[in-house]
Each structure stands twice: as structure tokens, then as C-alpha cells.
Amino acid sequence: MAMEKDKAPYPASLAAANDNLAPPIVSAKVDAALKRIARLLGRQMARDAFEERIAANDNDSQSR
């Protein structure tokens, strides 16, 4: 009897953590929105880094 219980299939709600074959849960609309947010955040980070470089290099030639 114990052997038969061990051979019982797992419930459908269980899935492996690394199951890359599972269908995507996120819709295309949500995926596009997330990509746009990531792109905007990246641009803002680039602007901030550029402004920091300008502020750090305030040796302009006009101050002479």
C-alpha cells in the first residue's frame, strides 16, 4: 500500500522553482509597461550620473 501511495501524481498546483517551460503569467501589455519603466529609470540614472560629472568638474574657463 505504501508503494502505491508513493506513485500517486503530485497535485497540479505544485511546480518546480526553475520550471522555465511554464507558460508566462504576465501579459504582453504588462511586460511592455515594465520594459518602458525600466527604460525610463535607466535614462534618469544616466542623466543623474552626467549631472554629477558636470558638478564634479566645475573648472570652467570662464572664471578667469
Protein backbone atom coordinates (compact mmCIF):
# COMPACT_ATOMS: atom_id res chain seq x y z
CA MET A 1 0.00 0.00 0.00
CA ALA A 2 2.76 2.46 0.84
CA MET A 3 4.28 1.87 -2.60
CA GLU A 4 1.01 2.77 -4.33
CA LYS A 5 0.76 5.99 -2.32
CA ASP A 6 4.32 6.97 -3.37
CA LYS A 7 3.41 6.58 -7.04
CA ALA A 8 0.47 8.98 -6.80
CA PRO A 9 0.89 12.03 -9.03
CA TYR A 10 1.64 15.39 -7.48
CA PRO A 11 -1.12 17.98 -7.43
CA ALA A 12 -1.17 20.31 -10.44
CA SER A 13 -0.58 23.34 -8.19
CA LEU A 14 2.99 22.27 -7.45
CA ALA A 15 5.66 23.39 -9.90
CA ALA A 16 9.41 23.43 -9.77
CA ALA A 17 11.03 26.77 -8.95
CA ASN A 18 13.17 26.56 -12.08
CA ASP A 19 10.36 25.49 -14.39
CA ASN A 20 11.21 27.52 -17.48
CA LEU A 21 8.71 25.64 -19.61
CA ALA A 22 5.71 27.03 -17.75
CA PRO A 23 3.56 29.44 -19.74
CA PRO A 24 4.23 33.10 -18.97
CA ILE A 25 1.86 34.53 -16.40
CA VAL A 26 2.49 38.18 -17.31
CA SER A 27 0.51 39.55 -20.21
CA ALA A 28 2.20 41.30 -23.11
CA LYS A 29 0.70 44.63 -22.01
CA VAL A 30 2.21 44.34 -18.53
CA ASP A 31 5.54 43.22 -19.98
CA ALA A 32 5.65 46.25 -22.30
CA ALA A 33 4.83 48.58 -19.40
CA LEU A 34 7.60 47.09 -17.25
CA LYS A 35 10.12 47.47 -20.08
CA ARG A 36 9.13 51.10 -20.55
CA ILE A 37 9.51 51.82 -16.83
CA ALA A 38 12.93 50.15 -16.82
CA ARG A 39 13.99 52.20 -19.85
CA LEU A 40 12.86 55.44 -18.20
CA LEU A 41 14.65 54.58 -14.97
CA GLY A 42 17.82 53.85 -16.91
CA ARG A 43 17.62 57.19 -18.68
CA GLN A 44 17.10 59.01 -15.39
CA MET A 45 20.10 57.24 -13.87
CA ALA A 46 22.20 58.27 -16.88
CA ARG A 47 21.06 61.90 -16.52
CA ASP A 48 21.92 61.87 -12.82
CA ALA A 49 25.38 60.41 -13.48
CA PHE A 50 26.00 63.02 -16.21
CA GLU A 51 24.98 65.88 -13.90
CA GLU A 52 27.27 64.53 -11.17
CA ARG A 53 30.20 64.57 -13.60
CA ILE A 54 29.48 68.14 -14.60
CA ALA A 55 29.17 69.21 -10.95
CA ALA A 56 32.42 67.46 -10.05
CA ASN A 57 34.24 69.20 -12.90
CA ASP A 58 33.36 72.83 -12.26
CA ASN A 59 36.71 74.13 -13.56
CA ASP A 60 35.24 76.11 -16.38
CA SER A 61 37.45 78.57 -18.26
CA GLN A 62 35.04 81.48 -17.78
CA SER A 63 36.02 82.02 -14.13
CA ARG A 64 39.40 83.55 -15.08
